[in-house]
C-alpha atoms as a PDB file:
ATOM      1  CA  UNK A   1     -24.338  19.874  13.967  1.00  0.00           C
ATOM      2  CA  UNK A   2     -25.741  17.205  11.648  1.00  0.00           C
ATOM      3  CA  UNK A   3     -24.173  13.768  11.726  1.00  0.00           C
ATOM      4  CA  UNK A   4     -24.884  10.256  10.483  1.00  0.00           C
ATOM      5  CA  UNK A   5     -25.357   7.786  13.312  1.00  0.00           C
ATOM      6  CA  UNK A   6     -25.409   4.000  13.314  1.00  0.00           C
ATOM      7  CA  UNK A   7     -28.389   3.399  15.603  1.00  0.00           C
ATOM      8  CA  UNK A   8     -28.390  -0.421  15.527  1.00  0.00           C
ATOM      9  CA  UNK A   9     -26.143  -3.137  14.130  1.00  0.00           C
ATOM     10  CA  UNK A  10     -28.524  -4.128  11.340  1.00  0.00           C
ATOM     11  CA  UNK A  11     -26.562  -3.078   8.285  1.00  0.00           C
ATOM     12  CA  UNK A  12     -26.476   0.031   6.078  1.00  0.00           C
ATOM     13  CA  UNK A  13     -30.192   0.678   6.515  1.00  0.00           C
ATOM     14  CA  UNK A  14     -29.668   1.263  10.242  1.00  0.00           C
ATOM     15  CA  UNK A  15     -28.181   4.742   9.873  1.00  0.00           C
ATOM     16  CA  UNK A  16     -29.940   8.016  10.580  1.00  0.00           C
ATOM     17  CA  UNK A  17     -29.077  11.703  10.299  1.00  0.00           C
ATOM     18  CA  UNK A  18     -29.366  13.369  13.697  1.00  0.00           C
ATOM     19  CA  UNK A  19     -28.554  16.668  15.385  1.00  0.00           C
ATOM     20  CA  UNK A  20     -25.700  16.029  17.802  1.00  0.00           C
ATOM     21  CA  UNK A  21     -23.373  18.158  19.896  1.00  0.00           C
ATOM     22  CA  UNK A  22     -20.318  19.599  18.176  1.00  0.00           C
ATOM     23  CA  UNK A  23     -17.133  17.695  19.007  1.00  0.00           C
ATOM     24  CA  UNK A  24     -15.052  19.074  21.831  1.00  0.00           C
ATOM     25  CA  UNK A  25     -11.425  18.762  20.728  1.00  0.00           C
ATOM     26  CA  UNK A  26      -8.779  17.913  23.291  1.00  0.00           C
ATOM     27  CA  UNK A  27      -6.183  20.664  23.797  1.00  0.00           C
ATOM     28  CA  UNK A  28      -3.802  19.063  21.314  1.00  0.00           C
ATOM     29  CA  UNK A  29      -6.411  18.295  18.608  1.00  0.00           C
ATOM     30  CA  UNK A  30      -7.363  20.014  15.364  1.00  0.00           C
ATOM     31  CA  UNK A  31     -11.043  20.841  14.746  1.00  0.00           C
ATOM     32  CA  UNK A  32     -12.064  20.450  11.099  1.00  0.00           C
ATOM     33  CA  UNK A  33     -15.083  21.774   9.210  1.00  0.00           C
ATOM     34  CA  UNK A  34     -15.873  18.744   7.079  1.00  0.00           C
ATOM     35  CA  UNK A  35     -16.772  19.363   3.443  1.00  0.00           C
ATOM     36  CA  UNK A  36     -16.607  15.755   2.255  1.00  0.00           C
ATOM     37  CA  UNK A  37     -16.206  12.319   3.849  1.00  0.00           C
ATOM     38  CA  UNK A  38     -14.997   9.178   2.149  1.00  0.00           C
ATOM     39  CA  UNK A  39     -17.107   6.031   2.491  1.00  0.00           C
ATOM     40  CA  UNK A  40     -15.068   2.865   3.079  1.00  0.00           C
ATOM     41  CA  UNK A  41     -15.765  -0.842   3.368  1.00  0.00           C
ATOM     42  CA  UNK A  42     -14.967  -0.830   7.110  1.00  0.00           C
ATOM     43  CA  UNK A  43     -17.861   1.626   7.482  1.00  0.00           C
ATOM     44  CA  UNK A  44     -20.126  -1.065   6.026  1.00  0.00           C
ATOM     45  CA  UNK A  45     -18.757  -3.655   8.456  1.00  0.00           C
ATOM     46  CA  UNK A  46     -19.273  -1.259  11.361  1.00  0.00           C
ATOM     47  CA  UNK A  47     -23.000  -1.072  10.603  1.00  0.00           C
ATOM     48  CA  UNK A  48     -23.197  -4.809  11.291  1.00  0.00           C
ATOM     49  CA  UNK A  49     -20.772  -4.992  14.209  1.00  0.00           C
ATOM     50  CA  UNK A  50     -18.396  -7.042  12.041  1.00  0.00           C
ATOM     51  CA  UNK A  51     -15.363  -4.772  12.206  1.00  0.00           C
ATOM     52  CA  UNK A  52     -12.518  -5.489  14.644  1.00  0.00           C
ATOM     53  CA  UNK A  53     -13.427  -2.300  16.513  1.00  0.00           C
ATOM     54  CA  UNK A  54     -17.004  -2.562  17.824  1.00  0.00           C
ATOM     55  CA  UNK A  55     -18.392   0.711  19.232  1.00  0.00           C
ATOM     56  CA  UNK A  56     -21.783   0.635  20.901  1.00  0.00           C
ATOM     57  CA  UNK A  57     -24.616   2.360  18.984  1.00  0.00           C
ATOM     58  CA  UNK A  58     -25.382   5.100  18.502  1.00  0.00           C
ATOM     59  CA  UNK A  59     -22.062   6.208  17.028  1.00  0.00           C
ATOM     60  CA  UNK A  60     -20.877   8.285  14.085  1.00  0.00           C
ATOM     61  CA  UNK A  61     -18.828   6.347  11.499  1.00  0.00           C
ATOM     62  CA  UNK A  62     -16.532   7.900   8.920  1.00  0.00           C
ATOM     63  CA  UNK A  63     -12.777   7.443   8.941  1.00  0.00           C
ATOM     64  CA  UNK A  64     -11.580   9.919   6.308  1.00  0.00           C
ATOM     65  CA  UNK A  65     -12.513  13.523   5.552  1.00  0.00           C
ATOM     66  CA  UNK A  66     -11.477  16.654   3.718  1.00  0.00           C
ATOM     67  CA  UNK A  67     -12.273  20.223   4.721  1.00  0.00           C
ATOM     68  CA  UNK A  68     -10.866  23.307   6.379  1.00  0.00           C
ATOM     69  CA  UNK A  69      -9.305  23.818   9.784  1.00  0.00           C
ATOM     70  CA  UNK A  70     -11.666  25.571  12.221  1.00  0.00           C
ATOM     71  CA  UNK A  71      -9.361  25.527  15.254  1.00  0.00           C
ATOM     72  CA  UNK A  72      -5.790  24.376  15.759  1.00  0.00           C
ATOM     73  CA  UNK A  73      -3.439  24.508  18.753  1.00  0.00           C
ATOM     74  CA  UNK A  74      -0.026  26.135  18.593  1.00  0.00           C
ATOM     75  CA  UNK A  75       2.650  23.772  17.403  1.00  0.00           C
ATOM     76  CA  UNK A  76       0.234  21.603  15.417  1.00  0.00           C
ATOM     77  CA  UNK A  77       1.474  22.933  12.093  1.00  0.00           C
ATOM     78  CA  UNK A  78      -2.043  24.061  11.095  1.00  0.00           C
ATOM     79  CA  UNK A  79      -3.972  27.317  11.162  1.00  0.00           C
ATOM     80  CA  UNK A  80      -7.682  28.128  10.784  1.00  0.00           C
ATOM     81  CA  UNK A  81      -8.634  28.114   7.114  1.00  0.00           C
ATOM     82  CA  UNK A  82      -6.020  25.561   6.014  1.00  0.00           C
ATOM     83  CA  UNK A  83      -7.272  23.019   3.479  1.00  0.00           C
ATOM     84  CA  UNK A  84      -6.682  19.539   4.870  1.00  0.00           C
ATOM     85  CA  UNK A  85      -7.446  15.869   4.539  1.00  0.00           C
ATOM     86  CA  UNK A  86      -7.612  13.770   7.701  1.00  0.00           C
ATOM     87  CA  UNK A  87      -8.013  10.240   8.996  1.00  0.00           C
ATOM     88  CA  UNK A  88      -9.920  10.616  12.281  1.00  0.00           C
ATOM     89  CA  UNK A  89     -10.964   6.934  12.357  1.00  0.00           C
ATOM     90  CA  UNK A  90     -14.507   7.725  13.545  1.00  0.00           C
ATOM     91  CA  UNK A  91     -16.829  10.711  13.458  1.00  0.00           C
ATOM     92  CA  UNK A  92     -16.221  11.761   9.863  1.00  0.00           C
ATOM     93  CA  UNK A  93     -19.840  11.486   8.679  1.00  0.00           C
ATOM     94  CA  UNK A  94     -20.601  14.842  10.269  1.00  0.00           C
ATOM     95  CA  UNK A  95     -20.238  18.574   9.734  1.00  0.00           C
ATOM     96  CA  UNK A  96     -17.284  18.785  12.139  1.00  0.00           C
ATOM     97  CA  UNK A  97     -14.718  16.369  13.475  1.00  0.00           C
ATOM     98  CA  UNK A  98     -11.721  16.569  15.828  1.00  0.00           C
ATOM     99  CA  UNK A  99      -8.481  14.780  15.003  1.00  0.00           C
ATOM    100  CA  UNK A 100      -4.930  14.496  16.271  1.00  0.00           C
ATOM    101  CA  UNK A 101      -2.418  16.520  14.203  1.00  0.00           C
ATOM    102  CA  UNK A 102      -0.588  13.291  13.306  1.00  0.00           C
ATOM    103  CA  UNK A 103      -3.585  12.216  11.162  1.00  0.00           C
ATOM    104  CA  UNK A 104      -4.200  15.625   9.551  1.00  0.00           C
ATOM    105  CA  UNK A 105      -2.471  16.418   6.260  1.00  0.00           C
ATOM    106  CA  UNK A 106      -2.139  19.456   3.964  1.00  0.00           C
ATOM    107  CA  UNK A 107      -4.377  19.127   0.903  1.00  0.00           C
ATOM    108  CA  UNK A 108      -2.939  20.423  -2.391  1.00  0.00           C
ATOM    109  CA  UNK A 109      -4.911  23.251  -3.993  1.00  0.00           C
ATOM    110  CA  UNK A 110      -5.430  21.257  -7.184  1.00  0.00           C
ATOM    111  CA  UNK A 111      -7.482  18.624  -5.330  1.00  0.00           C
ATOM    112  CA  UNK A 112     -11.142  19.279  -4.577  1.00  0.00           C
ATOM    113  CA  UNK A 113     -12.498  18.413  -1.155  1.00  0.00           C
ATOM    114  CA  UNK A 114     -14.471  15.600  -2.795  1.00  0.00           C
ATOM    115  CA  UNK A 115     -11.296  14.072  -4.213  1.00  0.00           C
ATOM    116  CA  UNK A 116      -9.348  14.814  -1.034  1.00  0.00           C
ATOM    117  CA  UNK A 117     -11.806  12.753   1.013  1.00  0.00           C
ATOM    118  CA  UNK A 118     -10.799   9.742  -1.055  1.00  0.00           C
ATOM    119  CA  UNK A 119      -7.088   9.977  -0.326  1.00  0.00           C
ATOM    120  CA  UNK A 120      -6.313   9.002   3.298  1.00  0.00           C
ATOM    121  CA  UNK A 121      -7.625   5.435   3.572  1.00  0.00           C
ATOM    122  CA  UNK A 122      -7.120   4.188   0.025  1.00  0.00           C
ATOM    123  CA  UNK A 123      -3.948   5.952  -1.065  1.00  0.00           C
ATOM    124  CA  UNK A 124      -2.074   5.395   2.188  1.00  0.00           C
ATOM    125  CA  UNK A 125      -3.177   1.754   2.306  1.00  0.00           C
ATOM    126  CA  UNK A 126      -1.967   1.013  -1.220  1.00  0.00           C
ATOM    127  CA  UNK A 127       1.237   2.992  -0.632  1.00  0.00           C
ATOM    128  CA  UNK A 128       1.951   0.771   2.386  1.00  0.00           C
ATOM    129  CA  UNK A 129       0.969  -2.293   0.325  1.00  0.00           C
ATOM    130  CA  UNK A 130       3.011  -1.580  -2.789  1.00  0.00           C
ATOM    131  CA  UNK A 131       6.056   0.176  -1.339  1.00  0.00           C
ATOM    132  CA  UNK A 132       6.692  -1.298   2.101  1.00  0.00           C
ATOM    133  CA  UNK A 133       5.042  -4.725   1.927  1.00  0.00           C
ATOM    134  CA  UNK A 134       5.215  -5.404  -1.808  1.00  0.00           C
ATOM    135  CA  UNK A 135       8.671  -3.889  -2.452  1.00  0.00           C
ATOM    136  CA  UNK A 136       7.483  -2.787  -5.876  1.00  0.00           C
ATOM    137  CA  UNK A 137      10.174  -1.778  -8.333  1.00  0.00           C
ATOM    138  CA  UNK A 138       9.868   0.266 -11.496  1.00  0.00           C
ATOM    139  CA  UNK A 139       9.423  -1.987 -14.533  1.00  0.00           C
ATOM    140  CA  UNK A 140       7.548  -4.718 -12.671  1.00  0.00           C
ATOM    141  CA  UNK A 141       4.034  -5.856 -13.564  1.00  0.00           C
ATOM    142  CA  UNK A 142       1.139  -5.492 -11.102  1.00  0.00           C
ATOM    143  CA  UNK A 143      -2.224  -7.271 -11.240  1.00  0.00           C
ATOM    144  CA  UNK A 144      -5.015  -5.395  -9.405  1.00  0.00           C
ATOM    145  CA  UNK A 145      -8.263  -7.102  -8.374  1.00  0.00           C
ATOM    146  CA  UNK A 146     -11.374  -5.027  -7.752  1.00  0.00           C
ATOM    147  CA  UNK A 147      -9.672  -2.452  -9.947  1.00  0.00           C
ATOM    148  CA  UNK A 148     -12.720  -0.182 -10.321  1.00  0.00           C
ATOM    149  CA  UNK A 149     -13.284   0.294  -6.587  1.00  0.00           C
ATOM    150  CA  UNK A 150     -11.750   2.898  -4.295  1.00  0.00           C
ATOM    151  CA  UNK A 151      -8.781   0.761  -3.233  1.00  0.00           C
ATOM    152  CA  UNK A 152      -8.436  -0.691  -6.732  1.00  0.00           C
ATOM    153  CA  UNK A 153      -8.288   2.613  -8.575  1.00  0.00           C
ATOM    154  CA  UNK A 154      -5.807   3.958  -6.014  1.00  0.00           C
ATOM    155  CA  UNK A 155      -3.631   0.872  -6.523  1.00  0.00           C
ATOM    156  CA  UNK A 156      -3.778   1.275 -10.303  1.00  0.00           C
ATOM    157  CA  UNK A 157      -2.789   4.938 -10.104  1.00  0.00           C
ATOM    158  CA  UNK A 158       0.022   4.520  -7.605  1.00  0.00           C
ATOM    159  CA  UNK A 159       1.491   1.419  -9.263  1.00  0.00           C
ATOM    160  CA  UNK A 160       1.605   3.269 -12.571  1.00  0.00           C
ATOM    161  CA  UNK A 161       3.079   6.364 -10.909  1.00  0.00           C
ATOM    162  CA  UNK A 162       5.833   4.138  -9.501  1.00  0.00           C
ATOM    163  CA  UNK A 163       6.710   2.870 -12.968  1.00  0.00           C
ATOM    164  CA  UNK A 164       4.864  -0.448 -13.059  1.00  0.00           C
ATOM    165  CA  UNK A 165       2.853  -2.025 -15.841  1.00  0.00           C
ATOM    166  CA  UNK A 166      -0.705  -2.453 -14.528  1.00  0.00           C
ATOM    167  CA  UNK A 167      -3.215  -5.154 -15.452  1.00  0.00           C
ATOM    168  CA  UNK A 168      -6.694  -4.583 -13.980  1.00  0.00           C
ATOM    169  CA  UNK A 169      -9.194  -7.355 -13.175  1.00  0.00           C
ATOM    170  CA  UNK A 170     -12.811  -6.203 -13.585  1.00  0.00           C
ATOM    171  CA  UNK A 171     -16.294  -7.718 -13.703  1.00  0.00           C
ATOM    172  CA  UNK A 172     -17.944  -5.508 -16.346  1.00  0.00           C
ATOM    173  CA  UNK A 173     -16.986  -3.359 -19.311  1.00  0.00           C
ATOM    174  CA  UNK A 174     -18.146  -0.267 -17.413  1.00  0.00           C
ATOM    175  CA  UNK A 175     -15.692  -1.111 -14.628  1.00  0.00           C
ATOM    176  CA  UNK A 176     -12.990  -1.775 -17.227  1.00  0.00           C
ATOM    177  CA  UNK A 177     -13.484   1.792 -18.458  1.00  0.00           C
ATOM    178  CA  UNK A 178     -13.053   3.101 -14.891  1.00  0.00           C
ATOM    179  CA  UNK A 179      -9.834   1.094 -14.510  1.00  0.00           C
ATOM    180  CA  UNK A 180      -8.515   2.456 -17.789  1.00  0.00           C
ATOM    181  CA  UNK A 181      -9.337   6.003 -16.659  1.00  0.00           C
ATOM    182  CA  UNK A 182      -7.304   5.283 -13.525  1.00  0.00           C
ATOM    183  CA  UNK A 183      -4.354   4.355 -15.740  1.00  0.00           C
ATOM    184  CA  UNK A 184      -4.469   0.582 -16.223  1.00  0.00           C
ATOM    185  CA  UNK A 185      -2.424  -0.520 -19.228  1.00  0.00           C
ATOM    186  CA  UNK A 186      -4.650  -3.564 -19.795  1.00  0.00           C
ATOM    187  CA  UNK A 187      -7.916  -4.899 -18.368  1.00  0.00           C
ATOM    188  CA  UNK A 188      -9.037  -8.525 -18.104  1.00  0.00           C
ATOM    189  CA  UNK A 189     -12.384 -10.021 -17.015  1.00  0.00           C
ATOM    190  CA  UNK A 190     -12.680 -11.889 -13.723  1.00  0.00           C
ATOM    191  CA  UNK A 191     -13.736 -15.049 -15.519  1.00  0.00           C
ATOM    192  CA  UNK A 192     -10.587 -16.579 -16.984  1.00  0.00           C
ATOM    193  CA  UNK A 193      -8.248 -13.870 -15.692  1.00  0.00           C
ATOM    194  CA  UNK A 194      -5.447 -16.381 -15.097  1.00  0.00           C
ATOM    195  CA  UNK A 195      -5.276 -17.391 -18.752  1.00  0.00           C
ATOM    196  CA  UNK A 196      -5.580 -13.778 -19.875  1.00  0.00           C
ATOM    197  CA  UNK A 197      -2.692 -12.763 -17.618  1.00  0.00           C
ATOM    198  CA  UNK A 198      -0.569 -15.625 -18.939  1.00  0.00           C
ATOM    199  CA  UNK A 199      -1.175 -14.429 -22.498  1.00  0.00           C
ATOM    200  CA  UNK A 200      -0.422 -10.789 -21.674  1.00  0.00           C
ATOM    201  CA  UNK A 201       2.837 -11.679 -19.912  1.00  0.00           C
ATOM    202  CA  UNK A 202       4.054 -14.323 -22.359  1.00  0.00           C
ATOM    203  CA  UNK A 203       3.524 -17.011 -19.720  1.00  0.00           C
ATOM    204  CA  UNK A 204       5.818 -15.369 -17.172  1.00  0.00           C
ATOM    205  CA  UNK A 205       3.138 -14.035 -14.830  1.00  0.00           C
ATOM    206  CA  UNK A 206       3.055 -10.864 -12.753  1.00  0.00           C
ATOM    207  CA  UNK A 207       5.409  -9.643 -10.054  1.00  0.00           C
ATOM    208  CA  UNK A 208       2.770  -8.334  -7.666  1.00  0.00           C
ATOM    209  CA  UNK A 209      -0.938  -9.055  -7.128  1.00  0.00           C
ATOM    210  CA  UNK A 210      -3.015  -6.528  -5.169  1.00  0.00           C
ATOM    211  CA  UNK A 211      -6.039  -8.386  -3.773  1.00  0.00           C
ATOM    212  CA  UNK A 212      -8.660  -6.517  -1.731  1.00  0.00           C
ATOM    213  CA  UNK A 213     -11.311  -9.107  -2.714  1.00  0.00           C
ATOM    214  CA  UNK A 214     -10.212 -12.585  -1.606  1.00  0.00           C
ATOM    215  CA  UNK A 215     -12.670 -15.389  -2.236  1.00  0.00           C
ATOM    216  CA  UNK A 216     -12.365 -18.015  -4.927  1.00  0.00           C
ATOM    217  CA  UNK A 217      -9.944 -16.081  -7.163  1.00  0.00           C
ATOM    218  CA  UNK A 218      -7.109 -16.426  -4.636  1.00  0.00           C
ATOM    219  CA  UNK A 219      -5.616 -19.679  -5.960  1.00  0.00           C
ATOM    220  CA  UNK A 220      -5.553 -18.444  -9.554  1.00  0.00           C
ATOM    221  CA  UNK A 221      -3.872 -15.272  -8.303  1.00  0.00           C
ATOM    222  CA  UNK A 222      -1.095 -17.402  -6.811  1.00  0.00           C
ATOM    223  CA  UNK A 223      -0.796 -19.262 -10.096  1.00  0.00           C
ATOM    224  CA  UNK A 224      -0.497 -15.935 -11.907  1.00  0.00           C
ATOM    225  CA  UNK A 225       2.667 -14.928 -10.034  1.00  0.00           C
ATOM    226  CA  UNK A 226       6.048 -14.887 -11.712  1.00  0.00           C
ATOM    227  CA  UNK A 227       9.035 -16.387  -9.866  1.00  0.00           C
ATOM    228  CA  UNK A 228       9.600 -14.421  -6.632  1.00  0.00           C
ATOM    229  CA  UNK A 229       6.198 -12.761  -7.053  1.00  0.00           C
ATOM    230  CA  UNK A 230       4.239 -11.304  -4.125  1.00  0.00           C
ATOM    231  CA  UNK A 231       0.500 -11.594  -3.506  1.00  0.00           C
ATOM    232  CA  UNK A 232      -0.645  -8.722  -1.271  1.00  0.00           C
ATOM    233  CA  UNK A 233      -3.641  -9.597   0.926  1.00  0.00           C
ATOM    234  CA  UNK A 234      -5.433  -6.271   1.414  1.00  0.00           C
ATOM    235  CA  UNK A 235      -8.954  -7.377   2.350  1.00  0.00           C
ATOM    236  CA  UNK A 236     -11.911  -9.637   1.747  1.00  0.00           C
ATOM    237  CA  UNK A 237     -14.707  -7.655   0.116  1.00  0.00           C
ATOM    238  CA  UNK A 238     -15.727 -10.883  -1.625  1.00  0.00           C
ATOM    239  CA  UNK A 239     -16.778 -12.204   1.784  1.00  0.00           C
ATOM    240  CA  UNK A 240     -14.841 -15.479   1.874  1.00  0.00           C
ATOM    241  CA  UNK A 241     -11.432 -15.630   3.536  1.00  0.00           C
ATOM    242  CA  UNK A 242      -9.315 -17.951   1.370  1.00  0.00           C
ATOM    243  CA  UNK A 243      -6.690 -20.438   2.513  1.00  0.00           C
ATOM    244  CA  UNK A 244      -3.410 -21.379   0.884  1.00  0.00           C
ATOM    245  CA  UNK A 245      -1.565 -24.679   0.587  1.00  0.00           C
ATOM    246  CA  UNK A 246       1.923 -23.581   1.488  1.00  0.00           C
ATOM    247  CA  UNK A 247       3.578 -26.055  -0.866  1.00  0.00           C
ATOM    248  CA  UNK A 248       2.462 -23.729  -3.665  1.00  0.00           C
ATOM    249  CA  UNK A 249       4.802 -21.086  -2.255  1.00  0.00           C
ATOM    250  CA  UNK A 250       7.790 -23.364  -2.785  1.00  0.00           C
ATOM    251  CA  UNK A 251       7.218 -23.992  -6.471  1.00  0.00           C
ATOM    252  CA  UNK A 252       8.218 -20.544  -7.738  1.00  0.00           C
ATOM    253  CA  UNK A 253       9.568 -18.970  -4.553  1.00  0.00           C
ATOM    254  CA  UNK A 254       6.444 -16.843  -4.239  1.00  0.00           C
ATOM    255  CA  UNK A 255       5.077 -14.960  -1.212  1.00  0.00           C
ATOM    256  CA  UNK A 256       1.693 -14.254   0.335  1.00  0.00           C
ATOM    257  CA  UNK A 257       2.072 -10.937   2.154  1.00  0.00           C
ATOM    258  CA  UNK A 258      -0.341  -9.502   4.688  1.00  0.00           C
ATOM    259  CA  UNK A 259      -1.176  -5.811   4.378  1.00  0.00           C
ATOM    260  CA  UNK A 260      -2.371  -4.575   7.766  1.00  0.00           C
ATOM    261  CA  UNK A 261      -1.920  -0.837   7.356  1.00  0.00           C
ATOM    262  CA  UNK A 262      -3.773   0.111  10.542  1.00  0.00           C
ATOM    263  CA  UNK A 263      -2.000  -2.476  12.663  1.00  0.00           C
ATOM    264  CA  UNK A 264       1.318  -1.114  11.417  1.00  0.00           C
ATOM    265  CA  UNK A 265       0.807   2.631  11.923  1.00  0.00           C
ATOM    266  CA  UNK A 266      -1.225   2.691  15.156  1.00  0.00           C
ATOM    267  CA  UNK A 267       1.888   2.120  17.332  1.00  0.00           C
ATOM    268  CA  UNK A 268       3.893   4.527  15.147  1.00  0.00           C
ATOM    269  CA  UNK A 269       1.582   7.407  14.069  1.00  0.00           C
ATOM    270  CA  UNK A 270       4.515   9.383  12.698  1.00  0.00           C
ATOM    271  CA  UNK A 271       4.559   6.911   9.810  1.00  0.00           C
ATOM    272  CA  UNK A 272       1.416   8.503   8.329  1.00  0.00           C
ATOM    273  CA  UNK A 273       3.156  11.823   7.776  1.00  0.00           C
ATOM    274  CA  UNK A 274       6.099   9.991   6.207  1.00  0.00           C
ATOM    275  CA  UNK A 275       3.651   8.340   3.806  1.00  0.00           C
ATOM    276  CA  UNK A 276       1.885  11.617   3.028  1.00  0.00           C
ATOM    277  CA  UNK A 277       5.187  13.292   2.228  1.00  0.00           C
ATOM    278  CA  UNK A 278       6.000  10.447  -0.189  1.00  0.00           C
ATOM    279  CA  UNK A 279       2.686  10.571  -2.039  1.00  0.00           C
ATOM    280  CA  UNK A 280       2.406  14.390  -1.999  1.00  0.00           C
ATOM    281  CA  UNK A 281       4.411  14.887  -5.240  1.00  0.00           C
ATOM    282  CA  UNK A 282       2.057  12.426  -6.986  1.00  0.00           C
ATOM    283  CA  UNK A 283      -0.999  14.285  -5.631  1.00  0.00           C
ATOM    284  CA  UNK A 284       0.402  17.644  -6.719  1.00  0.00           C
ATOM    285  CA  UNK A 285       1.265  16.348 -10.191  1.00  0.00           C
ATOM    286  CA  UNK A 286      -2.092  14.635 -10.715  1.00  0.00           C
ATOM    287  CA  UNK A 287      -0.655  11.139 -10.918  1.00  0.00           C
ATOM    288  CA  UNK A 288      -2.743  10.351  -7.822  1.00  0.00           C
ATOM    289  CA  UNK A 289      -6.250  11.781  -8.220  1.00  0.00           C
ATOM    290  CA  UNK A 290      -9.077   9.701  -6.736  1.00  0.00           C
ATOM    291  CA  UNK A 291     -11.711   8.756  -9.292  1.00  0.00           C
ATOM    292  CA  UNK A 292     -15.096   9.663  -7.860  1.00  0.00           C
ATOM    293  CA  UNK A 293     -17.779   7.090  -8.526  1.00  0.00           C
ATOM    294  CA  UNK A 294     -20.698   8.743  -6.765  1.00  0.00           C
ATOM    295  CA  UNK A 295     -21.493  11.459  -4.254  1.00  0.00           C
ATOM    296  CA  UNK A 296     -24.338  11.552  -1.739  1.00  0.00           C
ATOM    297  CA  UNK A 297     -25.650  14.056   0.800  1.00  0.00           C
ATOM    298  CA  UNK A 298     -25.542  13.091   4.469  1.00  0.00           C
ATOM    299  CA  UNK A 299     -29.182  11.995   4.132  1.00  0.00           C
ATOM    300  CA  UNK A 300     -28.063   9.509   1.479  1.00  0.00           C
ATOM    301  CA  UNK A 301     -25.526   7.740   3.714  1.00  0.00           C
ATOM    302  CA  UNK A 302     -27.508   4.482   3.693  1.00  0.00           C
ATOM    303  CA  UNK A 303     -27.488   4.437  -0.122  1.00  0.00           C
ATOM    304  CA  UNK A 304     -23.753   5.149  -0.168  1.00  0.00           C
ATOM    305  CA  UNK A 305     -23.076   2.271   2.225  1.00  0.00           C
ATOM    306  CA  UNK A 306     -25.339  -0.080   0.227  1.00  0.00           C
ATOM    307  CA  UNK A 307     -23.378   0.795  -2.910  1.00  0.00           C
ATOM    308  CA  UNK A 308     -20.207  -0.553  -1.331  1.00  0.00           C
ATOM    309  CA  UNK A 309     -22.010  -3.442   0.316  1.00  0.00           C
ATOM    310  CA  UNK A 310     -23.342  -4.628  -3.041  1.00  0.00           C
ATOM    311  CA  UNK A 311     -19.936  -4.182  -4.707  1.00  0.00           C
ATOM    312  CA  UNK A 312     -21.559  -1.782  -7.134  1.00  0.00           C
ATOM    313  CA  UNK A 313     -19.125   1.067  -6.607  1.00  0.00           C
ATOM    314  CA  UNK A 314     -17.087   2.197  -9.598  1.00  0.00           C
ATOM    315  CA  UNK A 315     -14.646   4.676  -8.145  1.00  0.00           C
ATOM    316  CA  UNK A 316     -14.684   6.368  -4.755  1.00  0.00           C
ATOM    317  CA  UNK A 317     -17.983   6.903  -2.917  1.00  0.00           C
ATOM    318  CA  UNK A 318     -18.166  10.217  -1.032  1.00  0.00           C
ATOM    319  CA  UNK A 319     -20.608  11.972   1.300  1.00  0.00           C
ATOM    320  CA  UNK A 320     -20.920  15.737   0.845  1.00  0.00           C
ATOM    321  CA  UNK A 321     -21.609  17.528   4.116  1.00  0.00           C
ATOM    322  CA  UNK A 322     -21.709  21.167   2.939  1.00  0.00           C
END
C-alpha cells in the first residue's frame, strides 16, 4: 500500500510517499480502508522529533482517519463495509490502518469521509475540554483563540451546541468568516481582543477561554475572565509556553485548567466511546460538522503539514487517500 513516511526529523519537508507492507492487525484489531486522514499539529511536531512520543524514522504519522472496515473480529461491534472514524494514533497517513475497537467509532451517514477524518482528535479534545475540564453550562460565554483552525472551529461548534455564547479571536477577516461559518456569535481581532471582549460583555468578561495557542496573549486571556472563570490550556501552537503569576488567580477566583485529553483517556480507553456517544447526536444533527479548510493527496502531505506549521490553516486540513 502507499503511505506517507517521516524519513528524518527535519520538519514537514522530510516526508515521502512510499510503498510499504499492509498492516497486519492483531487478532482483536479492526482493519480499516482509509479514505481520508486528518492532519493535526502533533503530526507537525513528530516531523521534528518534538512530540512527547518520539518514534524512530522511518515511520507513518497520522492519528485520525475515516473510511470503511475491511476486517473485524467477532465481538468488536463492527463488520466489513461499516463506515467508521478512528483514532489509531499512528499510521493513518496510509491506504490502510489497524486500530483497536476502543478507538473505532460509527460514522453517521450524513458525514463525508473527509469531514469524518476531522472529528476524532479535535471534537473529542474540545468535548473533554469544555464538558469535563471546563464544566461549561448553557448560557455561559466562551472565548475561543485560534478560532479558524481545526481545534478552534470544533470548539466554536461544540460550545454553541451546548448553549454557550461564543466569541472568536482571529487574526484576519478571512479567518473571521470561517469562525462565523462555524457558528461564532461575535469575532474579535487578536490585537486588542481584551478590550473588545470587555465591550462585548459589558465589562463582565467571559466564563471560559479555550486557548490552543498560548504565547503572549495568555495574560490578557486571564484578564478577560469573569469571576469564577476558567482558562483551558489546550496547546501551544504559538510556540511559547506562557507562565502565570498565581496571585492573579486570587483576584476574581479564576482557574487555569490543563486539558490533557490523551493523558486522561490512555489509562481508560472506554472513555472515548463515552465521549463519542455524547457527541453523536450533535454529529447526526449537523451541529458538529468539521469545516474543511483544504484537502491534499498523499503526495501533498508535506504541503498539508506546512500549512499547519505556518498557522495558515483555516478549517480542518485533510489528506485524501482514495
